[in-house]
């Protein structure tokens, strides 16, 4: 099995201790996001796991656990974008995250850390010119610590239509995508980075950018030293090329406060979920919420 940790929430940033406890006990539960009563027990035993794919915007709280993963095959999808707190409310300062990226790469190797610059949002001060400038700044600092960068363009989800309208966020035109892709590709080549797109229908091959598989059995085969073969995950959207995996995360549990995120429909619900989980130490990532839990404070100081 390939275990996704997790597309639905930031486990390394928020639930790292929980994950390590599940690893010690050898199993976790995966909840069907469309039918919460459908719960599947997933083995985390070494002999049953081909690889873990971690997804995070802040691995700093998880760094203390990295050495305990030495007997497993794994890699990290690290999203690092230059937005401010207007779009990414509860992340640490970006310079700290650049340092964390470099530290993580030094600990586990640059072939196991993939830089994600996504999603690309055009609004207010976040213009095409600004993105080009910031992408080069980050590429210059991160290229010694990774081989790949993955980009994607913002998608509008029904659950966020009012937020997007409030912020003035719209989907990019094909022309805007091609202009940015061409500039990004030139910068990536300058810094010897392979550049790919995630779950994008648009063909950017003319810019030297190919579609990627974020959950990638080819990379897992290289990391493990043995051939690992999985079919494409047919449950993902048509433009997603990921191979099959089992995700042990849950929606509406991330409190990082990214305004464009598809995994959180209501930030207050997510904070209630987070608090409830901390109180119960459940072996499920999501627990039944006491709706009387009142949200009176902003997210915990872990992110200040």
Protein backbone atom coordinates (compact mmCIF):
# COMPACT_ATOMS: atom_id res chain seq x y z
CA UNK A 1 0.00 0.00 0.00
CA UNK A 2 0.90 3.62 -0.49
CA UNK A 3 -0.33 5.71 2.44
CA UNK A 4 -1.16 9.38 1.87
CA UNK A 5 -0.48 11.48 4.97
CA UNK A 6 -2.57 13.46 3.92
CA UNK A 7 -4.27 15.35 1.10
CA UNK A 8 -7.17 16.08 3.45
CA UNK A 9 -5.30 17.79 6.29
CA UNK A 10 -1.79 18.74 7.36
CA UNK A 11 -0.81 15.81 9.57
CA UNK A 12 2.89 16.75 9.95
CA UNK A 13 1.97 20.27 11.11
CA UNK A 14 -0.98 19.38 13.35
CA UNK A 15 -1.24 15.68 14.08
CA UNK A 16 2.34 14.39 14.01
CA UNK A 17 2.21 12.92 17.52
CA UNK A 18 -1.03 11.14 16.62
CA UNK A 19 0.55 9.70 13.48
CA UNK A 20 3.57 8.40 15.37
CA UNK A 21 1.33 6.77 17.95
CA UNK A 22 -0.61 5.09 15.15
CA UNK A 23 2.70 3.96 13.63
CA UNK A 24 3.77 2.43 16.94
CA UNK A 25 0.48 0.57 17.26
CA UNK A 26 0.65 -0.55 13.64
CA UNK A 27 -2.64 0.71 12.27
CA UNK A 28 -4.83 3.73 11.63
CA UNK A 29 -8.40 4.24 10.48
CA UNK A 30 -9.41 5.85 7.22
CA UNK A 31 -12.83 7.51 7.11
CA UNK A 32 -14.78 7.69 3.87
CA UNK A 33 -15.26 11.46 3.36
CA UNK A 34 -18.59 10.86 1.61
CA UNK A 35 -19.89 8.39 4.22
CA UNK A 36 -18.38 9.08 7.67
CA UNK A 37 -19.93 5.90 9.06
CA UNK A 38 -17.73 3.88 6.69
CA UNK A 39 -14.43 3.40 8.49
CA UNK A 40 -11.59 1.19 7.28
CA UNK A 41 -8.73 -0.14 9.39
CA UNK A 42 -5.42 0.40 7.59
CA UNK A 43 -2.25 -1.47 8.48
CA UNK A 44 0.83 0.67 9.05
CA UNK A 45 3.13 -2.30 9.57
CA UNK A 46 6.40 -2.06 7.66
CA UNK A 47 5.68 -5.20 5.65
CA UNK A 48 2.34 -3.76 4.46
CA UNK A 49 3.44 -0.20 3.56
CA UNK A 50 5.27 0.44 0.29
CA UNK A 51 5.63 4.13 1.10
CA UNK A 52 4.27 7.11 2.97
CA UNK A 53 3.62 10.32 1.04
CA UNK A 54 3.55 13.27 3.43
CA UNK A 55 1.87 16.56 2.51
CA UNK A 56 2.63 19.66 4.56
CA UNK A 57 3.00 23.41 4.67
CA UNK A 58 4.81 23.33 8.00
CA UNK A 59 6.94 20.31 8.92
CA UNK A 60 8.58 22.03 11.88
CA UNK A 61 6.51 20.26 14.59
CA UNK A 62 7.19 16.91 12.86
CA UNK A 63 10.97 17.27 12.63
CA UNK A 64 11.46 15.54 15.99
CA UNK A 65 9.95 12.35 14.53
CA UNK A 66 11.91 12.15 11.28
CA UNK A 67 14.60 9.80 12.59
CA UNK A 68 11.93 7.28 13.59
CA UNK A 69 10.95 6.87 9.92
CA UNK A 70 14.34 5.54 8.81
CA UNK A 71 13.00 2.01 8.23
CA UNK A 72 10.22 3.27 5.93
CA UNK A 73 10.16 4.51 2.36
CA UNK A 74 8.70 8.01 2.24
CA UNK A 75 8.90 11.43 0.66
CA UNK A 76 7.44 14.85 1.43
CA UNK A 77 5.31 17.15 -0.70
CA UNK A 78 6.21 20.52 0.86
CA UNK A 79 4.00 23.43 -0.21
CA UNK A 80 5.83 26.72 0.16
CA UNK A 81 4.26 29.84 -1.31
CA UNK A 82 5.01 33.51 -0.54
CA UNK A 83 1.47 34.65 0.33
CA UNK A 84 0.75 36.70 3.42
CA UNK A 85 -1.68 36.04 6.25
CA UNK A 86 -4.55 37.39 4.17
CA UNK A 87 -4.51 34.06 2.28
CA UNK A 88 -2.56 31.80 4.66
CA UNK A 89 -3.62 32.91 8.10
CA UNK A 90 -1.84 30.60 10.53
CA UNK A 91 1.46 29.67 8.95
CA UNK A 92 4.83 30.65 10.44
CA UNK A 93 6.89 33.36 8.78
CA UNK A 94 8.00 32.22 5.36
CA UNK A 95 11.71 32.65 6.09
CA UNK A 96 11.29 30.11 8.90
CA UNK A 97 9.64 27.72 6.45
CA UNK A 98 12.47 28.19 3.94
CA UNK A 99 14.87 27.27 6.75
CA UNK A 100 12.69 24.27 7.60
CA UNK A 101 12.74 23.16 3.95
CA UNK A 102 16.52 23.29 3.93
CA UNK A 103 16.81 21.49 7.27
CA UNK A 104 14.39 18.77 6.19
CA UNK A 105 16.32 18.21 2.96
CA UNK A 106 19.59 17.96 4.87
CA UNK A 107 18.03 15.35 7.16
CA UNK A 108 16.36 13.10 4.56
CA UNK A 109 17.94 13.99 1.20
CA UNK A 110 16.88 16.35 -1.59
CA UNK A 111 15.35 13.51 -3.62
CA UNK A 112 12.72 13.05 -0.89
CA UNK A 113 11.58 16.67 -0.64
CA UNK A 114 9.40 18.04 -3.45
CA UNK A 115 8.69 21.77 -3.54
CA UNK A 116 5.10 22.71 -4.34
CA UNK A 117 4.33 26.25 -5.47
CA UNK A 118 0.57 25.92 -5.46
CA UNK A 119 -1.99 27.16 -5.93
CA UNK A 120 -1.10 30.19 -8.00
CA UNK A 121 -3.60 32.93 -7.15
CA UNK A 122 -3.85 36.25 -9.00
CA UNK A 123 -5.49 38.94 -6.85
CA UNK A 124 -4.66 42.45 -5.62
CA UNK A 125 -0.90 42.63 -4.98
CA UNK A 126 -0.39 39.01 -6.04
CA UNK A 127 0.11 39.81 -9.71
CA UNK A 128 1.83 37.77 -12.40
CA UNK A 129 4.92 39.97 -12.04
CA UNK A 130 4.95 39.42 -8.28
CA UNK A 131 4.69 35.63 -8.71
CA UNK A 132 7.57 35.60 -11.21
CA UNK A 133 9.76 37.61 -8.82
CA UNK A 134 8.89 35.46 -5.79
CA UNK A 135 9.20 32.17 -7.67
CA UNK A 136 12.75 33.07 -8.64
CA UNK A 137 13.57 34.18 -5.11
CA UNK A 138 12.34 30.86 -3.69
CA UNK A 139 13.93 28.83 -6.49
CA UNK A 140 17.32 30.37 -5.76
CA UNK A 141 17.01 29.43 -2.08
CA UNK A 142 15.44 26.00 -2.44
CA UNK A 143 17.10 24.56 -5.56
CA UNK A 144 20.13 23.18 -3.67
CA UNK A 145 17.67 21.23 -1.51
CA UNK A 146 15.28 19.66 -4.02
CA UNK A 147 15.17 18.35 -7.58
CA UNK A 148 11.55 19.15 -8.45
CA UNK A 149 8.97 21.88 -8.24
CA UNK A 150 5.25 21.28 -8.81
CA UNK A 151 2.90 24.12 -9.71
CA UNK A 152 -0.86 24.40 -10.03
CA UNK A 153 -3.37 27.17 -10.63
CA UNK A 154 -6.16 27.98 -8.23
CA UNK A 155 -9.49 26.21 -8.70
CA UNK A 156 -12.81 27.56 -7.55
CA UNK A 157 -14.77 25.18 -5.35
CA UNK A 158 -18.45 25.61 -4.59
CA UNK A 159 -17.81 25.62 -0.85
CA UNK A 160 -15.57 28.69 -1.25
CA UNK A 161 -17.42 30.66 -3.88
CA UNK A 162 -18.38 33.44 -1.43
CA UNK A 163 -14.83 33.66 -0.05
CA UNK A 164 -13.41 33.85 -3.55
CA UNK A 165 -15.90 36.56 -4.50
CA UNK A 166 -15.06 38.50 -1.35
CA UNK A 167 -11.33 38.33 -2.09
CA UNK A 168 -11.73 38.89 -5.82
CA UNK A 169 -10.12 35.58 -6.71
CA UNK A 170 -10.94 34.19 -10.12
CA UNK A 171 -9.62 31.35 -12.22
CA UNK A 172 -6.72 32.21 -14.50
CA UNK A 173 -7.20 32.43 -18.25
CA UNK A 174 -5.22 30.09 -20.49
CA UNK A 175 -3.16 33.07 -21.64
CA UNK A 176 -2.25 33.93 -18.05
CA UNK A 177 -1.35 30.31 -17.36
CA UNK A 178 0.89 30.11 -20.43
CA UNK A 179 2.66 33.38 -19.62
CA UNK A 180 3.40 32.30 -16.04
CA UNK A 181 4.30 28.76 -17.07
CA UNK A 182 6.82 30.00 -19.61
CA UNK A 183 8.47 32.33 -17.09
CA UNK A 184 8.46 29.70 -14.35
CA UNK A 185 9.92 27.10 -16.69
CA UNK A 186 12.80 29.40 -17.67
CA UNK A 187 13.52 30.08 -13.98
CA UNK A 188 13.34 26.40 -13.10
CA UNK A 189 15.82 25.52 -15.84
CA UNK A 190 18.13 28.29 -14.62
CA UNK A 191 18.23 26.61 -11.21
CA UNK A 192 18.30 23.05 -12.54
CA UNK A 193 14.84 22.20 -11.26
CA UNK A 194 12.44 19.82 -12.99
CA UNK A 195 9.07 21.61 -13.19
CA UNK A 196 5.69 19.86 -13.44
CA UNK A 197 1.99 20.61 -13.01
CA UNK A 198 -0.42 18.97 -10.59
CA UNK A 199 -3.93 18.03 -11.71
CA UNK A 200 -4.03 20.57 -14.53
CA UNK A 201 -5.90 19.85 -17.74
CA UNK A 202 -3.97 22.49 -19.67
CA UNK A 203 -1.12 21.27 -21.85
CA UNK A 204 2.05 23.21 -21.01
CA UNK A 205 4.48 20.92 -22.79
CA UNK A 206 5.41 23.78 -25.15
CA UNK A 207 6.78 25.52 -22.06
CA UNK A 208 8.76 22.44 -21.08
CA UNK A 209 6.36 21.51 -18.28
CA UNK A 210 4.82 18.06 -18.00
CA UNK A 211 2.02 16.61 -15.89
CA UNK A 212 3.19 14.99 -12.67
CA UNK A 213 2.09 12.13 -10.44
CA UNK A 214 2.24 13.45 -6.89
CA UNK A 215 1.71 9.94 -5.58
CA UNK A 216 4.30 8.35 -7.80
CA UNK A 217 5.21 4.67 -7.89
CA UNK A 218 8.22 5.47 -10.11
CA UNK A 219 9.73 7.66 -7.39
CA UNK A 220 8.83 5.08 -4.76
CA UNK A 221 10.58 2.41 -6.82
CA UNK A 222 13.73 4.55 -6.95
CA UNK A 223 13.64 5.24 -3.22
CA UNK A 224 12.98 1.64 -2.26
CA UNK A 225 15.32 -0.01 -4.75
CA UNK A 226 12.56 -2.36 -5.90
CA UNK A 227 9.88 -2.09 -8.54
CA UNK A 228 6.55 -0.87 -7.18
CA UNK A 229 3.60 -0.92 -9.57
CA UNK A 230 0.23 0.69 -8.94
CA UNK A 231 -2.60 1.67 -11.25
CA UNK A 232 -3.73 5.26 -11.63
CA UNK A 233 -6.25 6.25 -8.97
CA UNK A 234 -9.52 6.27 -10.89
CA UNK A 235 -11.34 8.00 -8.02
CA UNK A 236 -9.40 11.23 -8.61
CA UNK A 237 -10.39 13.83 -11.19
CA UNK A 238 -9.43 13.12 -14.79
CA UNK A 239 -6.47 15.53 -14.79
CA UNK A 240 -4.91 13.88 -11.72
CA UNK A 241 -2.26 11.27 -12.56
CA UNK A 242 -1.64 9.98 -9.03
CA UNK A 243 -1.35 6.28 -8.39
CA UNK A 244 -3.65 4.47 -5.97
CA UNK A 245 -3.19 5.19 -2.30
CA UNK A 246 -5.08 5.17 0.99
CA UNK A 247 -5.51 8.52 2.72
CA UNK A 248 -5.69 8.46 6.53
CA UNK A 249 -6.62 12.13 6.93
CA UNK A 250 -10.00 13.81 7.32
CA UNK A 251 -11.52 16.92 5.84
CA UNK A 252 -12.38 19.88 8.07
CA UNK A 253 -9.55 19.18 10.51
CA UNK A 254 -6.85 21.60 9.28
CA UNK A 255 -6.54 24.95 11.07
CA UNK A 256 -3.79 26.54 8.99
CA UNK A 257 -6.37 28.93 7.57
CA UNK A 258 -5.59 28.88 3.84
CA UNK A 259 -8.50 30.73 2.25
CA UNK A 260 -8.33 28.80 -1.05
CA UNK A 261 -8.18 25.29 0.48
CA UNK A 262 -10.55 22.61 -0.81
CA UNK A 263 -10.13 20.48 2.34
CA UNK A 264 -11.83 22.91 4.74
CA UNK A 265 -15.39 24.05 4.19
CA UNK A 266 -15.71 25.96 7.45
CA UNK A 267 -12.75 27.12 9.53
CA UNK A 268 -14.75 27.19 12.76
CA UNK A 269 -15.80 23.59 12.26
CA UNK A 270 -12.17 22.69 11.56
CA UNK A 271 -11.05 24.37 14.78
CA UNK A 272 -13.76 22.55 16.76
CA UNK A 273 -12.59 19.29 15.23
CA UNK A 274 -8.97 20.08 16.10
CA UNK A 275 -9.80 20.96 19.71
CA UNK A 276 -12.03 17.92 20.13
CA UNK A 277 -9.30 15.65 18.83
CA UNK A 278 -6.73 17.12 21.21
CA UNK A 279 -9.10 16.53 24.12
CA UNK A 280 -9.94 12.93 23.28
CA UNK A 281 -6.65 11.62 21.81
CA UNK A 282 -8.78 9.45 19.53
CA UNK A 283 -7.24 6.80 17.31
CA UNK A 284 -9.44 8.29 14.58
CA UNK A 285 -8.21 11.54 13.13
CA UNK A 286 -11.72 12.93 13.30
CA UNK A 287 -13.99 12.49 16.29
CA UNK A 288 -17.65 13.21 16.90
CA UNK A 289 -17.84 16.91 17.67
CA UNK A 290 -19.65 18.35 20.67
CA UNK A 291 -21.37 21.22 18.92
CA UNK A 292 -21.44 23.11 22.24
CA UNK A 293 -17.65 23.63 22.03
CA UNK A 294 -17.42 27.36 21.45
CA UNK A 295 -14.77 28.92 19.23
CA UNK A 296 -13.59 31.99 21.12
CA UNK A 297 -9.92 32.23 20.14
CA UNK A 298 -7.85 32.16 17.01
CA UNK A 299 -5.77 29.10 16.14
CA UNK A 300 -3.21 27.93 18.75
CA UNK A 301 0.07 29.75 19.25
CA UNK A 302 1.94 26.91 17.53
CA UNK A 303 1.57 28.97 14.33
CA UNK A 304 2.47 32.42 15.69
